[in-house]
Amino acid sequence: MTKLSVNINKIATLRNSRGGNVPDVLKVAKDIESFGAQGITIHPRPDERHIRYQDARDLKSAVTTEFNIEGNPIQKFIDLVLEVQPTQVTLVPDSIDAITSNAGWDTITHKTFLKEVIATFKQNGIRTSIFVDADIKMVEGAAETGTDRIELYTESYAEAFSKGQTNGILPFIKAAEAATKSDLGINAGHDLSLENIKHFKENIPNLLEVSIGHALICESLYLGLENVVNMYLNKLR
């Protein structure tokens, strides 16, 4: 079964919009785990506009499943990850002013930098993953950095699927095959939803984990958080 890691950034966005601590990010994370999710993901950004760096510290003792922290490995982020010691760190090349992640790493151009950062995390016992486009060259480049896994950036798949174009999965199948050939674990995320997750899961070999936030929280407004978490788990079996 592919593991479901729920990104709770949007919970923090809602909390921050009014100040105070409602909704309580820690309680929501614990609830999501109790509903069956196998992981919690956060993506703290330098401006802390949703998840705050202190949230990462607080969640460390609250999360009992896998804890995944993703973000651009600037020094402040690196220091946070080394302090918190999550199960996994996912490296994402988003700019400081990015609304959301919008591209994978160029693992060839940035290979030396990625190798250094990944070595630091692995020396501290933290599993590493690199956010990449569905491009065989980028997957092969990732393998040369020493990373444990890649996370396939799935926006193009989701966009194609929403237009009825099921062949949007093809580059992802090839990228996953290349990853397996290079002994890389495969994660995926970005714009995956109840509508498109089953088709993705059924066609991607050796898919270990998906990270889903925005769609899952939006769907929960209509269907309820516990119900939606279990709907995803059923589609990922």
Protein backbone atom coordinates (compact mmCIF):
# COMPACT_ATOMS: atom_id res chain seq x y z
CA MET A 1 0.00 0.00 0.00
CA THR A 2 1.22 3.51 -0.82
CA LYS A 3 1.50 5.65 2.32
CA LEU A 4 -0.53 8.84 2.70
CA SER A 5 1.26 11.82 4.23
CA VAL A 6 -1.08 14.75 4.82
CA ASN A 7 0.30 18.25 4.34
CA ILE A 8 -1.22 20.47 7.03
CA ASN A 9 -0.01 23.85 5.74
CA LYS A 10 -3.57 24.96 4.97
CA ILE A 11 -4.60 24.30 8.58
CA ALA A 12 -1.87 26.71 9.66
CA THR A 13 -3.01 29.24 7.03
CA LEU A 14 -6.51 29.22 8.52
CA ARG A 15 -5.13 29.58 12.05
CA ASN A 16 -2.88 32.48 11.06
CA SER A 17 -5.72 34.35 9.37
CA ARG A 18 -7.28 35.16 12.76
CA GLY A 19 -4.40 34.83 15.19
CA GLY A 20 -4.68 32.65 18.26
CA ASN A 21 -4.57 28.89 17.98
CA VAL A 22 -7.79 27.88 16.19
CA PRO A 23 -7.60 25.49 14.47
CA ASP A 24 -4.93 23.84 16.60
CA VAL A 25 -2.26 22.50 14.23
CA LEU A 26 -1.01 19.92 16.73
CA LYS A 27 -4.49 18.57 17.43
CA VAL A 28 -5.32 18.35 13.73
CA ALA A 29 -2.09 16.45 13.08
CA LYS A 30 -2.92 13.98 15.84
CA ASP A 31 -6.48 13.61 14.56
CA ILE A 32 -5.28 12.95 11.01
CA GLU A 33 -3.00 10.21 12.33
CA SER A 34 -5.87 8.71 14.33
CA PHE A 35 -7.95 8.64 11.12
CA GLY A 36 -5.31 6.38 9.55
CA ALA A 37 -2.84 8.61 7.69
CA GLN A 38 0.69 7.27 7.82
CA GLY A 39 2.48 10.61 7.86
CA ILE A 40 2.34 14.36 8.39
CA THR A 41 4.01 16.82 6.01
CA ILE A 42 4.80 20.48 6.57
CA HIS A 43 6.46 23.05 4.31
CA PRO A 44 7.72 25.98 6.37
CA ARG A 45 8.69 29.00 4.27
CA PRO A 46 11.03 31.80 5.34
CA ASP A 47 8.15 34.26 5.87
CA GLU A 48 6.27 31.66 8.00
CA ARG A 49 3.02 32.63 6.31
CA HIS A 50 1.45 29.28 7.18
CA ILE A 51 3.53 26.71 9.05
CA ARG A 52 5.86 28.45 11.48
CA TYR A 53 9.30 27.18 12.40
CA GLN A 54 8.06 26.72 15.97
CA ASP A 55 5.27 24.48 14.62
CA ALA A 56 7.94 22.15 13.27
CA ARG A 57 9.55 21.96 16.69
CA ASP A 58 6.22 21.38 18.44
CA LEU A 59 5.07 18.76 15.92
CA LYS A 60 8.20 16.68 16.48
CA SER A 61 6.85 15.41 19.81
CA ALA A 62 3.23 15.27 18.61
CA VAL A 63 3.63 13.24 15.40
CA THR A 64 3.81 9.49 15.98
CA THR A 65 3.82 8.42 12.32
CA GLU A 66 6.34 9.61 9.71
CA PHE A 67 7.20 13.29 9.89
CA ASN A 68 8.21 14.93 6.59
CA ILE A 69 9.55 18.48 6.41
CA GLU A 70 9.88 19.94 2.94
CA GLY A 71 11.37 23.18 1.75
CA ASN A 72 14.17 25.07 0.04
CA PRO A 73 17.45 24.17 1.77
CA ILE A 74 18.57 27.67 2.73
CA GLN A 75 20.68 27.70 5.90
CA LYS A 76 17.74 28.56 8.16
CA PHE A 77 15.83 25.56 6.82
CA ILE A 78 18.83 23.24 7.13
CA ASP A 79 19.34 24.30 10.74
CA LEU A 80 15.67 23.66 11.53
CA VAL A 81 15.69 20.18 10.02
CA LEU A 82 18.87 19.23 11.86
CA GLU A 83 17.32 20.46 15.11
CA VAL A 84 13.95 18.72 14.66
CA GLN A 85 15.27 15.47 13.14
CA PRO A 86 12.16 14.45 11.14
CA THR A 87 11.79 11.06 9.49
CA GLN A 88 12.30 12.63 6.07
CA VAL A 89 13.36 15.92 4.52
CA THR A 90 12.15 16.77 1.03
CA LEU A 91 14.21 19.36 -0.84
CA VAL A 92 12.12 21.75 -2.94
CA PRO A 93 13.65 24.56 -5.06
CA ASP A 94 10.93 27.14 -4.46
CA SER A 95 11.81 30.81 -4.38
CA ILE A 96 11.13 32.89 -1.27
CA ASP A 97 8.11 34.61 -2.86
CA ALA A 98 6.58 31.48 -4.43
CA ILE A 99 2.88 31.00 -3.67
CA THR A 100 3.37 27.26 -4.01
CA SER A 101 6.02 24.92 -5.41
CA ASN A 102 6.15 25.24 -9.19
CA ALA A 103 9.15 23.25 -10.46
CA GLY A 104 11.43 20.38 -9.63
CA TRP A 105 15.18 20.57 -9.17
CA ASP A 106 17.63 20.72 -12.04
CA THR A 107 19.62 17.91 -10.48
CA ILE A 108 22.42 18.25 -13.03
CA THR A 109 23.11 21.97 -12.59
CA HIS A 110 22.74 21.79 -8.81
CA LYS A 111 24.28 18.34 -8.27
CA THR A 112 27.24 19.50 -6.16
CA PHE A 113 25.04 21.61 -3.88
CA LEU A 114 22.48 18.83 -3.48
CA LYS A 115 25.18 16.26 -2.71
CA GLU A 116 26.55 18.44 0.10
CA VAL A 117 23.15 19.14 1.66
CA ILE A 118 22.00 15.53 1.37
CA ALA A 119 25.22 14.24 2.90
CA THR A 120 24.65 16.51 5.91
CA PHE A 121 21.11 15.23 6.46
CA LYS A 122 22.04 11.58 5.96
CA GLN A 123 24.92 11.89 8.42
CA ASN A 124 22.25 12.84 10.92
CA GLY A 125 20.06 9.85 10.11
CA ILE A 126 17.41 11.77 8.17
CA ARG A 127 15.95 10.17 5.03
CA THR A 128 16.22 12.48 2.03
CA SER A 129 14.00 13.11 -0.99
CA ILE A 130 14.38 15.50 -3.94
CA PHE A 131 11.42 17.17 -5.66
CA VAL A 132 11.82 16.52 -9.42
CA ASP A 133 9.87 16.84 -12.65
CA ALA A 134 8.92 13.70 -14.55
CA ASP A 135 12.13 13.86 -16.58
CA ILE A 136 14.39 10.82 -16.85
CA LYS A 137 17.55 12.98 -16.95
CA MET A 138 16.53 14.74 -13.73
CA VAL A 139 15.80 11.40 -12.08
CA GLU A 140 19.17 10.04 -13.14
CA GLY A 141 20.79 13.24 -11.90
CA ALA A 142 19.05 12.79 -8.55
CA ALA A 143 20.54 9.32 -8.23
CA GLU A 144 24.02 10.85 -8.43
CA THR A 145 23.38 13.13 -5.44
CA GLY A 146 23.07 10.30 -2.93
CA THR A 147 19.39 10.95 -2.17
CA ASP A 148 17.24 8.12 -0.84
CA ARG A 149 14.12 9.08 -2.77
CA ILE A 150 12.64 11.44 -5.30
CA GLU A 151 9.25 13.13 -5.11
CA LEU A 152 7.62 13.39 -8.52
CA TYR A 153 6.08 16.85 -9.11
CA THR A 154 2.62 15.88 -10.33
CA GLU A 155 1.00 19.17 -11.38
CA SER A 156 1.22 18.39 -15.11
CA TYR A 157 -0.39 14.99 -14.55
CA ALA A 158 -3.23 16.51 -12.53
CA GLU A 159 -3.85 19.23 -15.10
CA ALA A 160 -3.96 16.74 -17.96
CA PHE A 161 -6.25 14.40 -16.01
CA SER A 162 -8.69 17.24 -15.30
CA LYS A 163 -9.02 17.68 -19.08
CA GLY A 164 -9.69 14.00 -19.64
CA GLN A 165 -6.17 13.33 -20.94
CA THR A 166 -5.15 10.10 -19.24
CA ASN A 167 -1.91 9.89 -21.23
CA GLY A 168 -0.51 12.60 -18.95
CA ILE A 169 0.63 9.71 -16.77
CA LEU A 170 3.14 8.44 -19.35
CA PRO A 171 6.14 10.66 -18.43
CA PHE A 172 5.61 9.70 -14.80
CA ILE A 173 5.67 5.99 -15.58
CA LYS A 174 8.98 6.43 -17.41
CA ALA A 175 10.40 8.56 -14.60
CA ALA A 176 9.34 5.98 -12.01
CA GLU A 177 10.93 3.19 -14.02
CA ALA A 178 14.16 5.19 -14.19
CA ALA A 179 14.03 5.78 -10.45
CA THR A 180 13.57 2.09 -9.73
CA LYS A 181 16.46 1.26 -12.03
CA SER A 182 18.60 3.69 -10.03
CA ASP A 183 17.47 2.21 -6.69
CA LEU A 184 15.60 5.37 -5.69
CA GLY A 185 12.43 5.30 -3.64
CA ILE A 186 9.46 7.08 -5.23
CA ASN A 187 7.21 9.65 -3.59
CA ALA A 188 4.79 11.99 -5.36
CA GLY A 189 2.84 15.15 -4.72
CA HIS A 190 1.23 18.39 -5.92
CA ASP A 191 -2.38 18.71 -7.05
CA LEU A 192 -3.15 15.06 -6.40
CA SER A 193 -6.81 14.68 -5.38
CA LEU A 194 -9.59 12.17 -4.84
CA GLU A 195 -10.40 12.55 -8.52
CA ASN A 196 -6.98 11.62 -9.91
CA ILE A 197 -5.12 9.67 -7.19
CA LYS A 198 -6.41 6.19 -8.08
CA HIS A 199 -5.28 6.40 -11.70
CA PHE A 200 -1.87 7.64 -10.60
CA LYS A 201 -1.43 4.92 -7.98
CA GLU A 202 -2.49 2.15 -10.38
CA ASN A 203 0.03 3.20 -13.03
CA ILE A 204 3.15 4.20 -11.09
CA PRO A 205 5.27 1.21 -10.11
CA ASN A 206 6.81 1.12 -6.63
CA LEU A 207 5.05 4.26 -5.38
CA LEU A 208 5.96 4.51 -1.70
CA GLU A 209 4.28 7.71 -0.55
CA VAL A 210 2.08 10.58 -1.65
CA SER A 211 1.96 13.96 0.06
CA ILE A 212 -1.42 15.66 -0.28
CA GLY A 213 -2.55 18.90 1.31
CA HIS A 214 -4.53 21.52 -0.59
CA ALA A 215 -7.00 19.18 -2.31
CA LEU A 216 -7.48 17.02 0.77
CA ILE A 217 -8.30 19.98 3.00
CA CYS A 218 -10.65 21.48 0.38
CA GLU A 219 -12.45 18.17 -0.07
CA SER A 220 -12.77 17.90 3.71
CA LEU A 221 -14.83 21.09 3.82
CA TYR A 222 -17.59 19.17 2.06
CA LEU A 223 -17.02 15.59 3.15
CA GLY A 224 -15.32 15.82 6.55
CA LEU A 225 -11.65 15.30 7.39
CA GLU A 226 -11.92 11.76 8.76
CA ASN A 227 -14.01 10.61 5.82
CA VAL A 228 -11.65 12.14 3.25
CA VAL A 229 -8.51 10.65 4.83
CA ASN A 230 -10.12 7.22 4.65
CA MET A 231 -11.26 7.79 1.06
CA TYR A 232 -7.64 8.42 0.10
CA LEU A 233 -6.43 5.39 2.01
CA ASN A 234 -8.93 3.20 0.15
CA LYS A 235 -7.74 4.50 -3.22
CA LEU A 236 -4.09 3.92 -2.28
CA ARG A 237 -4.50 0.26 -1.32
